[in-house]
């Protein structure tokens, strides 16, 4: 049993999930290399993932889509602070919905967190957006039968697309269905052509769940997920310039 810290507990937001979801999605935001400051809902690393969460909930009404707010802002070296929170969140999801498939969607430090908890038996896929994988080996936790898609901006100066590609190739060599998508000229914060980032997420979730839930393939088709109405309003580029975000 994973027990979160009582002083700054993690927050798992569920929206209005169906009574009997076919699958679940857990959205994981980014953070800092080191920080023991508490995470707040208005911080940019958290806000950055809300458009994806909304798009997922609109597109997949048969899914329970959760977003996790970590206790602390930082990864914090060997403490790996958000990993503990993500394992707690997966326990909560299992208690509420049983052993249905879980797809992880993580940006930056959230991508590192997703890879760290991909060894959980309920996890069937990881969608990593500009992941912070400084070793290039973070995907060793994934196993054959799981799916991995990595979308990384070729102009990202915060996290290294070469390292994420190395980690993706490593997963593929180990039997994972792994794909690395270059987002041409895009930076770290997914401000350029945001609909393209969202389509990658929605398409990946649809394909992954169809592989693991036969009935789901009849309920939706990946080509229908154009994410109309998705917009990045409120996420102006100047708001991202000054933080040491990963």
Protein backbone atom coordinates (compact mmCIF):
# COMPACT_ATOMS: atom_id res chain seq x y z
CA UNK A 1 0.00 0.00 0.00
CA UNK A 2 1.35 3.42 -1.00
CA UNK A 3 0.62 6.12 1.57
CA UNK A 4 0.98 9.76 0.50
CA UNK A 5 2.43 12.44 2.74
CA UNK A 6 -0.27 13.96 4.97
CA UNK A 7 1.25 17.45 4.83
CA UNK A 8 0.95 17.98 1.08
CA UNK A 9 -1.17 15.12 -0.25
CA UNK A 10 -1.44 14.45 -3.97
CA UNK A 11 -4.73 15.31 -5.65
CA UNK A 12 -6.41 12.91 -8.07
CA UNK A 13 -9.08 14.64 -10.16
CA UNK A 14 -11.66 12.42 -11.83
CA UNK A 15 -14.13 14.78 -13.47
CA UNK A 16 -17.41 12.89 -14.01
CA UNK A 17 -16.39 9.37 -15.02
CA UNK A 18 -18.93 6.78 -16.20
CA UNK A 19 -20.16 4.23 -13.70
CA UNK A 20 -18.49 1.34 -15.55
CA UNK A 21 -15.61 2.70 -17.62
CA UNK A 22 -14.05 0.55 -20.33
CA UNK A 23 -10.59 1.92 -19.60
CA UNK A 24 -8.82 4.68 -17.72
CA UNK A 25 -6.31 7.38 -18.61
CA UNK A 26 -3.99 8.97 -16.06
CA UNK A 27 -2.56 12.36 -17.03
CA UNK A 28 0.77 13.34 -15.45
CA UNK A 29 2.12 16.89 -15.54
CA UNK A 30 5.70 18.14 -15.49
CA UNK A 31 7.69 19.86 -12.78
CA UNK A 32 11.21 20.80 -11.73
CA UNK A 33 14.48 18.96 -11.36
CA UNK A 34 14.56 19.75 -7.63
CA UNK A 35 11.92 21.40 -5.50
CA UNK A 36 10.17 20.47 -2.27
CA UNK A 37 7.65 23.27 -2.68
CA UNK A 38 4.07 22.03 -2.83
CA UNK A 39 2.43 21.75 -6.22
CA UNK A 40 -0.44 24.16 -6.83
CA UNK A 41 -3.24 23.86 -9.37
CA UNK A 42 -2.44 27.24 -10.94
CA UNK A 43 1.18 26.43 -11.77
CA UNK A 44 1.99 26.29 -15.46
CA UNK A 45 3.22 22.71 -15.43
CA UNK A 46 -0.22 21.65 -14.15
CA UNK A 47 -2.26 23.97 -16.37
CA UNK A 48 -0.39 22.82 -19.46
CA UNK A 49 -2.06 19.40 -19.27
CA UNK A 50 -5.66 20.55 -18.81
CA UNK A 51 -6.37 20.91 -22.55
CA UNK A 52 -5.32 17.29 -23.01
CA UNK A 53 -7.46 16.14 -20.10
CA UNK A 54 -10.50 17.98 -21.46
CA UNK A 55 -9.96 16.59 -24.96
CA UNK A 56 -9.65 13.06 -23.60
CA UNK A 57 -12.86 13.37 -21.58
CA UNK A 58 -14.78 14.76 -24.56
CA UNK A 59 -13.48 12.16 -26.98
CA UNK A 60 -13.77 9.08 -24.77
CA UNK A 61 -16.99 9.24 -22.73
CA UNK A 62 -16.57 5.53 -22.00
CA UNK A 63 -13.30 6.22 -20.15
CA UNK A 64 -12.43 7.45 -16.68
CA UNK A 65 -9.85 10.18 -17.29
CA UNK A 66 -7.88 11.21 -14.21
CA UNK A 67 -5.35 13.97 -13.71
CA UNK A 68 -2.83 13.75 -10.90
CA UNK A 69 -1.40 16.75 -9.05
CA UNK A 70 1.79 15.74 -7.25
CA UNK A 71 2.61 16.61 -3.66
CA UNK A 72 5.86 18.34 -4.57
CA UNK A 73 7.07 20.20 -7.63
CA UNK A 74 10.39 18.39 -8.02
CA UNK A 75 11.69 15.00 -9.09
CA UNK A 76 14.28 15.33 -6.33
CA UNK A 77 16.94 12.84 -7.31
CA UNK A 78 16.77 9.45 -5.64
CA UNK A 79 13.53 10.42 -3.88
CA UNK A 80 11.70 10.37 -7.24
CA UNK A 81 8.90 12.27 -5.52
CA UNK A 82 6.20 12.05 -8.23
CA UNK A 83 6.66 8.29 -8.68
CA UNK A 84 5.26 7.63 -5.22
CA UNK A 85 2.26 9.80 -6.04
CA UNK A 86 1.65 8.06 -9.37
CA UNK A 87 1.71 4.62 -7.76
CA UNK A 88 -0.77 5.86 -5.17
CA UNK A 89 -3.00 7.17 -7.99
CA UNK A 90 -2.90 3.81 -9.78
CA UNK A 91 -3.90 2.10 -6.53
CA UNK A 92 -6.85 4.47 -6.22
CA UNK A 93 -7.90 3.74 -9.80
CA UNK A 94 -7.75 -0.02 -9.20
CA UNK A 95 -9.84 0.30 -6.04
CA UNK A 96 -12.49 2.30 -7.89
CA UNK A 97 -12.64 0.47 -11.22
CA UNK A 98 -10.90 -2.88 -10.86
CA UNK A 99 -8.30 -4.22 -13.25
CA UNK A 100 -9.25 -2.36 -16.41
CA UNK A 101 -6.56 -1.06 -18.79
CA UNK A 102 -4.75 2.16 -17.91
CA UNK A 103 -3.03 4.44 -20.41
CA UNK A 104 -0.52 6.96 -19.04
CA UNK A 105 -0.08 10.38 -20.65
CA UNK A 106 2.83 12.42 -19.31
CA UNK A 107 4.63 15.61 -20.28
CA UNK A 108 8.27 16.28 -19.43
CA UNK A 109 8.79 15.11 -15.82
CA UNK A 110 5.39 13.47 -16.19
CA UNK A 111 6.85 11.39 -19.01
CA UNK A 112 9.64 10.28 -16.69
CA UNK A 113 7.09 9.45 -14.02
CA UNK A 114 4.99 7.49 -16.51
CA UNK A 115 7.98 5.40 -17.56
CA UNK A 116 8.85 4.73 -13.91
CA UNK A 117 5.41 3.29 -13.13
CA UNK A 118 4.92 1.48 -16.44
CA UNK A 119 5.79 -1.75 -14.62
CA UNK A 120 2.37 -1.66 -12.94
CA UNK A 121 0.30 -4.58 -14.29
CA UNK A 122 -2.69 -2.42 -15.25
CA UNK A 123 -0.65 -0.11 -17.50
CA UNK A 124 -1.01 -1.00 -21.18
CA UNK A 125 0.51 2.08 -22.79
CA UNK A 126 2.58 5.21 -22.25
CA UNK A 127 2.20 8.40 -24.28
CA UNK A 128 5.19 10.61 -23.47
CA UNK A 129 5.18 14.25 -24.57
CA UNK A 130 8.64 15.85 -24.67
CA UNK A 131 9.72 13.48 -21.89
CA UNK A 132 12.56 14.29 -19.54
CA UNK A 133 14.62 11.14 -19.88
CA UNK A 134 18.13 12.30 -19.00
CA UNK A 135 19.66 8.83 -19.02
CA UNK A 136 18.11 7.62 -22.25
CA UNK A 137 17.32 4.31 -20.54
CA UNK A 138 14.15 5.20 -18.63
CA UNK A 139 12.01 2.82 -20.69
CA UNK A 140 13.55 -0.36 -19.25
CA UNK A 141 10.42 -0.71 -17.11
CA UNK A 142 8.20 -1.32 -20.14
CA UNK A 143 7.47 -4.89 -21.20
CA UNK A 144 6.52 -6.66 -24.43
CA UNK A 145 2.82 -6.23 -25.11
CA UNK A 146 2.77 -2.62 -23.97
CA UNK A 147 2.68 0.33 -26.35
CA UNK A 148 4.87 3.41 -26.21
CA UNK A 149 4.59 6.57 -28.27
CA UNK A 150 6.94 9.50 -27.77
CA UNK A 151 6.25 12.89 -29.37
CA UNK A 152 9.17 15.29 -29.03
CA UNK A 153 9.80 18.70 -30.53
CA UNK A 154 12.93 18.84 -32.65
CA UNK A 155 13.65 22.34 -31.31
CA UNK A 156 13.20 21.40 -27.64
CA UNK A 157 15.96 23.04 -25.60
CA UNK A 158 14.68 21.85 -22.20
CA UNK A 159 14.61 18.09 -22.69
CA UNK A 160 16.74 16.22 -25.21
CA UNK A 161 14.89 14.63 -28.14
CA UNK A 162 17.96 12.52 -28.94
CA UNK A 163 17.79 10.90 -25.52
CA UNK A 164 14.06 10.25 -25.79
CA UNK A 165 14.63 8.63 -29.17
CA UNK A 166 17.36 6.46 -27.69
CA UNK A 167 15.02 5.37 -24.90
CA UNK A 168 12.27 4.66 -27.44
CA UNK A 169 14.61 2.53 -29.55
CA UNK A 170 15.68 0.69 -26.40
CA UNK A 171 12.07 -0.18 -25.64
CA UNK A 172 11.52 -1.35 -29.20
CA UNK A 173 14.53 -3.65 -29.03
CA UNK A 174 13.02 -5.21 -25.90
CA UNK A 175 9.76 -6.08 -27.67
CA UNK A 176 7.68 -3.02 -26.79
CA UNK A 177 5.51 -1.59 -29.58
CA UNK A 178 7.46 1.68 -29.56
CA UNK A 179 7.23 4.73 -31.82
CA UNK A 180 9.08 8.05 -31.74
CA UNK A 181 7.35 11.01 -33.44
CA UNK A 182 9.43 14.11 -34.31
CA UNK A 183 7.40 17.29 -33.92
CA UNK A 184 9.11 19.50 -36.46
CA UNK A 185 10.43 22.83 -35.12
CA UNK A 186 8.37 22.48 -31.94
CA UNK A 187 9.76 23.43 -28.54
CA UNK A 188 9.16 22.00 -25.11
CA UNK A 189 5.86 23.59 -24.17
CA UNK A 190 3.72 22.32 -27.08
CA UNK A 191 2.66 25.81 -28.13
CA UNK A 192 3.25 25.26 -31.84
CA UNK A 193 0.30 23.54 -33.53
CA UNK A 194 -1.29 22.33 -30.28
CA UNK A 195 -3.96 20.35 -32.13
CA UNK A 196 -1.24 18.15 -33.59
CA UNK A 197 -0.01 17.24 -30.11
CA UNK A 198 -3.58 16.50 -29.05
CA UNK A 199 -4.25 14.30 -32.07
CA UNK A 200 -1.16 12.27 -31.21
CA UNK A 201 -2.52 11.67 -27.72
CA UNK A 202 -6.07 10.85 -28.78
CA UNK A 203 -4.97 8.56 -31.59
CA UNK A 204 -2.55 6.71 -29.34
CA UNK A 205 -5.15 6.17 -26.64
CA UNK A 206 -7.69 4.88 -29.18
CA UNK A 207 -5.22 2.48 -30.80
CA UNK A 208 -3.88 1.20 -27.49
CA UNK A 209 -7.27 0.57 -25.93
CA UNK A 210 -8.56 -1.11 -29.11
CA UNK A 211 -5.65 -3.56 -28.84
CA UNK A 212 -6.48 -4.47 -25.25
CA UNK A 213 -10.28 -4.09 -25.20
CA UNK A 214 -11.92 -5.78 -28.20
CA UNK A 215 -15.29 -4.06 -27.74
CA UNK A 216 -13.66 -0.64 -27.77
CA UNK A 217 -12.67 -0.98 -31.42
CA UNK A 218 -16.34 -1.01 -32.35
CA UNK A 219 -17.11 2.07 -30.27
CA UNK A 220 -14.60 4.46 -31.75
CA UNK A 221 -12.18 4.82 -34.65
CA UNK A 222 -8.92 6.73 -34.43
CA UNK A 223 -9.54 8.67 -37.64
CA UNK A 224 -12.44 10.49 -36.02
CA UNK A 225 -10.35 12.21 -33.38
CA UNK A 226 -9.64 15.59 -34.91
CA UNK A 227 -10.00 17.34 -31.53
CA UNK A 228 -12.14 20.17 -32.93
CA UNK A 229 -12.61 22.87 -30.40
CA UNK A 230 -9.26 22.26 -28.75
CA UNK A 231 -7.42 25.52 -28.18
CA UNK A 232 -4.47 26.62 -26.13
CA UNK A 233 -6.00 29.89 -25.03
CA UNK A 234 -4.49 31.17 -21.86
CA UNK A 235 -1.14 29.51 -22.50
CA UNK A 236 0.78 32.41 -24.02
CA UNK A 237 4.43 31.76 -24.79
CA UNK A 238 5.69 34.55 -22.57
CA UNK A 239 4.24 32.79 -19.55
CA UNK A 240 6.67 29.91 -19.90
CA UNK A 241 9.95 31.74 -20.25
CA UNK A 242 11.22 32.10 -16.71
CA UNK A 243 10.69 28.74 -14.99
CA UNK A 244 13.10 25.86 -14.63
CA UNK A 245 10.53 23.39 -15.87
CA UNK A 246 11.15 19.82 -16.89
